[in-house]
C-alpha atoms as a PDB file:
ATOM      1  CA  UNK A   1      48.390  32.069   3.935  1.00  0.00           C
ATOM      2  CA  UNK A   2      44.840  32.725   2.827  1.00  0.00           C
ATOM      3  CA  UNK A   3      41.860  34.213   4.587  1.00  0.00           C
ATOM      4  CA  UNK A   4      38.594  32.439   5.277  1.00  0.00           C
ATOM      5  CA  UNK A   5      35.718  34.809   5.929  1.00  0.00           C
ATOM      6  CA  UNK A   6      32.930  33.435   8.123  1.00  0.00           C
ATOM      7  CA  UNK A   7      29.280  34.405   7.742  1.00  0.00           C
ATOM      8  CA  UNK A   8      29.685  37.268  10.243  1.00  0.00           C
ATOM      9  CA  UNK A   9      32.599  38.720   8.189  1.00  0.00           C
ATOM     10  CA  UNK A  10      35.230  37.588  10.699  1.00  0.00           C
ATOM     11  CA  UNK A  11      38.385  36.613   8.784  1.00  0.00           C
ATOM     12  CA  UNK A  12      40.608  33.713   9.809  1.00  0.00           C
ATOM     13  CA  UNK A  13      44.171  33.422   8.499  1.00  0.00           C
ATOM     14  CA  UNK A  14      44.888  29.839   7.439  1.00  0.00           C
ATOM     15  CA  UNK A  15      47.875  28.098   5.892  1.00  0.00           C
ATOM     16  CA  UNK A  16      46.668  27.002   2.485  1.00  0.00           C
ATOM     17  CA  UNK A  17      48.832  23.865   2.613  1.00  0.00           C
ATOM     18  CA  UNK A  18      46.976  22.702   5.723  1.00  0.00           C
ATOM     19  CA  UNK A  19      43.601  23.274   4.051  1.00  0.00           C
ATOM     20  CA  UNK A  20      44.706  21.514   0.885  1.00  0.00           C
ATOM     21  CA  UNK A  21      46.113  18.523   2.782  1.00  0.00           C
ATOM     22  CA  UNK A  22      42.854  18.046   4.681  1.00  0.00           C
ATOM     23  CA  UNK A  23      40.205  18.854   2.061  1.00  0.00           C
ATOM     24  CA  UNK A  24      39.756  18.082  -1.614  1.00  0.00           C
ATOM     25  CA  UNK A  25      37.194  20.907  -1.702  1.00  0.00           C
ATOM     26  CA  UNK A  26      39.786  23.489  -0.689  1.00  0.00           C
ATOM     27  CA  UNK A  27      42.461  21.857  -2.850  1.00  0.00           C
ATOM     28  CA  UNK A  28      40.314  22.395  -5.928  1.00  0.00           C
ATOM     29  CA  UNK A  29      39.251  25.885  -4.941  1.00  0.00           C
ATOM     30  CA  UNK A  30      42.777  27.080  -4.133  1.00  0.00           C
ATOM     31  CA  UNK A  31      44.304  25.534  -7.244  1.00  0.00           C
ATOM     32  CA  UNK A  32      41.608  27.029  -9.473  1.00  0.00           C
ATOM     33  CA  UNK A  33      41.935  30.455  -7.895  1.00  0.00           C
ATOM     34  CA  UNK A  34      45.754  30.465  -8.018  1.00  0.00           C
ATOM     35  CA  UNK A  35      45.607  30.255 -11.829  1.00  0.00           C
ATOM     36  CA  UNK A  36      44.181  33.768 -11.878  1.00  0.00           C
ATOM     37  CA  UNK A  37      45.673  35.509  -8.847  1.00  0.00           C
ATOM     38  CA  UNK A  38      49.079  35.536  -7.248  1.00  0.00           C
ATOM     39  CA  UNK A  39      48.122  37.533  -4.175  1.00  0.00           C
ATOM     40  CA  UNK A  40      46.792  36.274  -0.881  1.00  0.00           C
ATOM     41  CA  UNK A  41      43.108  35.554  -1.263  1.00  0.00           C
ATOM     42  CA  UNK A  42      40.108  35.749   1.002  1.00  0.00           C
ATOM     43  CA  UNK A  43      37.389  33.169   0.485  1.00  0.00           C
ATOM     44  CA  UNK A  44      33.902  33.742   1.885  1.00  0.00           C
ATOM     45  CA  UNK A  45      32.377  30.599   3.318  1.00  0.00           C
ATOM     46  CA  UNK A  46      28.912  30.574   4.807  1.00  0.00           C
ATOM     47  CA  UNK A  47      29.425  29.057   8.227  1.00  0.00           C
ATOM     48  CA  UNK A  48      29.417  30.677  11.657  1.00  0.00           C
ATOM     49  CA  UNK A  49      32.695  31.989  12.996  1.00  0.00           C
ATOM     50  CA  UNK A  50      32.400  29.711  16.045  1.00  0.00           C
ATOM     51  CA  UNK A  51      32.094  26.635  13.809  1.00  0.00           C
ATOM     52  CA  UNK A  52      34.953  27.773  11.572  1.00  0.00           C
ATOM     53  CA  UNK A  53      37.085  28.358  14.658  1.00  0.00           C
ATOM     54  CA  UNK A  54      36.418  24.790  15.876  1.00  0.00           C
ATOM     55  CA  UNK A  55      37.083  23.396  12.395  1.00  0.00           C
ATOM     56  CA  UNK A  56      40.433  25.171  12.180  1.00  0.00           C
ATOM     57  CA  UNK A  57      41.301  24.193  15.746  1.00  0.00           C
ATOM     58  CA  UNK A  58      40.837  20.560  14.739  1.00  0.00           C
ATOM     59  CA  UNK A  59      42.956  21.011  11.599  1.00  0.00           C
ATOM     60  CA  UNK A  60      45.826  22.577  13.518  1.00  0.00           C
ATOM     61  CA  UNK A  61      45.676  20.508  16.718  1.00  0.00           C
ATOM     62  CA  UNK A  62      44.022  17.232  15.702  1.00  0.00           C
ATOM     63  CA  UNK A  63      41.348  17.143  18.367  1.00  0.00           C
ATOM     64  CA  UNK A  64      37.914  18.518  19.068  1.00  0.00           C
ATOM     65  CA  UNK A  65      37.553  21.599  21.228  1.00  0.00           C
ATOM     66  CA  UNK A  66      37.241  20.819  24.958  1.00  0.00           C
ATOM     67  CA  UNK A  67      33.901  22.660  25.003  1.00  0.00           C
ATOM     68  CA  UNK A  68      32.385  19.808  22.974  1.00  0.00           C
ATOM     69  CA  UNK A  69      32.358  17.289  25.790  1.00  0.00           C
ATOM     70  CA  UNK A  70      28.846  17.443  27.202  1.00  0.00           C
ATOM     71  CA  UNK A  71      25.326  16.850  25.932  1.00  0.00           C
ATOM     72  CA  UNK A  72      24.698  20.599  25.671  1.00  0.00           C
ATOM     73  CA  UNK A  73      27.219  20.769  22.832  1.00  0.00           C
ATOM     74  CA  UNK A  74      25.412  18.332  20.523  1.00  0.00           C
ATOM     75  CA  UNK A  75      24.046  21.103  18.278  1.00  0.00           C
ATOM     76  CA  UNK A  76      27.539  22.585  17.817  1.00  0.00           C
ATOM     77  CA  UNK A  77      28.876  19.128  17.026  1.00  0.00           C
ATOM     78  CA  UNK A  78      26.118  18.627  14.488  1.00  0.00           C
ATOM     79  CA  UNK A  79      26.938  21.949  12.792  1.00  0.00           C
ATOM     80  CA  UNK A  80      30.628  21.043  12.851  1.00  0.00           C
ATOM     81  CA  UNK A  81      29.892  17.643  11.285  1.00  0.00           C
ATOM     82  CA  UNK A  82      27.796  19.302   8.568  1.00  0.00           C
ATOM     83  CA  UNK A  83      30.626  21.733   7.750  1.00  0.00           C
ATOM     84  CA  UNK A  84      33.179  18.904   7.773  1.00  0.00           C
ATOM     85  CA  UNK A  85      31.011  16.913   5.384  1.00  0.00           C
ATOM     86  CA  UNK A  86      30.404  19.843   3.043  1.00  0.00           C
ATOM     87  CA  UNK A  87      34.065  20.866   2.859  1.00  0.00           C
ATOM     88  CA  UNK A  88      35.393  17.301   2.736  1.00  0.00           C
ATOM     89  CA  UNK A  89      37.250  17.182   6.058  1.00  0.00           C
ATOM     90  CA  UNK A  90      36.889  13.420   6.533  1.00  0.00           C
ATOM     91  CA  UNK A  91      38.938  13.104   9.747  1.00  0.00           C
ATOM     92  CA  UNK A  92      36.953  15.866  11.398  1.00  0.00           C
ATOM     93  CA  UNK A  93      33.666  14.343  10.248  1.00  0.00           C
ATOM     94  CA  UNK A  94      34.605  10.997  11.792  1.00  0.00           C
ATOM     95  CA  UNK A  95      35.677  12.674  15.057  1.00  0.00           C
ATOM     96  CA  UNK A  96      32.450  14.704  15.272  1.00  0.00           C
ATOM     97  CA  UNK A  97      30.240  11.706  14.468  1.00  0.00           C
ATOM     98  CA  UNK A  98      32.064   9.569  17.026  1.00  0.00           C
ATOM     99  CA  UNK A  99      31.637  12.236  19.678  1.00  0.00           C
ATOM    100  CA  UNK A 100      27.953  12.658  18.801  1.00  0.00           C
ATOM    101  CA  UNK A 101      27.466   8.912  19.181  1.00  0.00           C
ATOM    102  CA  UNK A 102      28.846   9.078  22.727  1.00  0.00           C
ATOM    103  CA  UNK A 103      26.676  12.052  23.717  1.00  0.00           C
ATOM    104  CA  UNK A 104      23.310  10.900  22.402  1.00  0.00           C
ATOM    105  CA  UNK A 105      21.621   7.865  23.913  1.00  0.00           C
ATOM    106  CA  UNK A 106      18.123   6.499  24.377  1.00  0.00           C
ATOM    107  CA  UNK A 107      17.680   8.419  27.609  1.00  0.00           C
ATOM    108  CA  UNK A 108      18.488  11.897  26.317  1.00  0.00           C
ATOM    109  CA  UNK A 109      17.521  11.600  22.650  1.00  0.00           C
ATOM    110  CA  UNK A 110      13.997  13.035  22.961  1.00  0.00           C
ATOM    111  CA  UNK A 111      15.175  15.927  25.164  1.00  0.00           C
ATOM    112  CA  UNK A 112      18.021  16.758  22.767  1.00  0.00           C
ATOM    113  CA  UNK A 113      15.985  16.358  19.576  1.00  0.00           C
ATOM    114  CA  UNK A 114      13.153  18.648  20.660  1.00  0.00           C
ATOM    115  CA  UNK A 115      15.154  21.464  22.270  1.00  0.00           C
END
C-alpha cells in the first residue's frame, strides 16, 4: 500500500498493484521509487481530493460515481477526464468522455460552457 496525497494534503491509501495495473505513469513512478526505498511511500499529486476520490472509486469499483449523472456534474467530469489523461488511466478517460458526451448537447452547451 502506498499513499497518494491530494492538493489539500489529504492522503489516500491505495494498493500499488491496482495503480500499476491501471496506469503506466504510476507503474514507472512506483518502480523507479522502489529502487531507492523499501518503505511505504507517499506521493504528492496535484489534483483535488474530490477528483482523486472519484478516480480511486473508479479503479476499485469500475464505474463512475453516482453523483456524476446530471448536467451539473460536467465540470467534475472534465476534471476527472483531465486527471485520467495525465496519469494514463485509459479506461477511466473513456468512461468520463462517454459520460460527458451524453450530458452535453446542442441545447445546453452554451449554458454549460459559460457558467
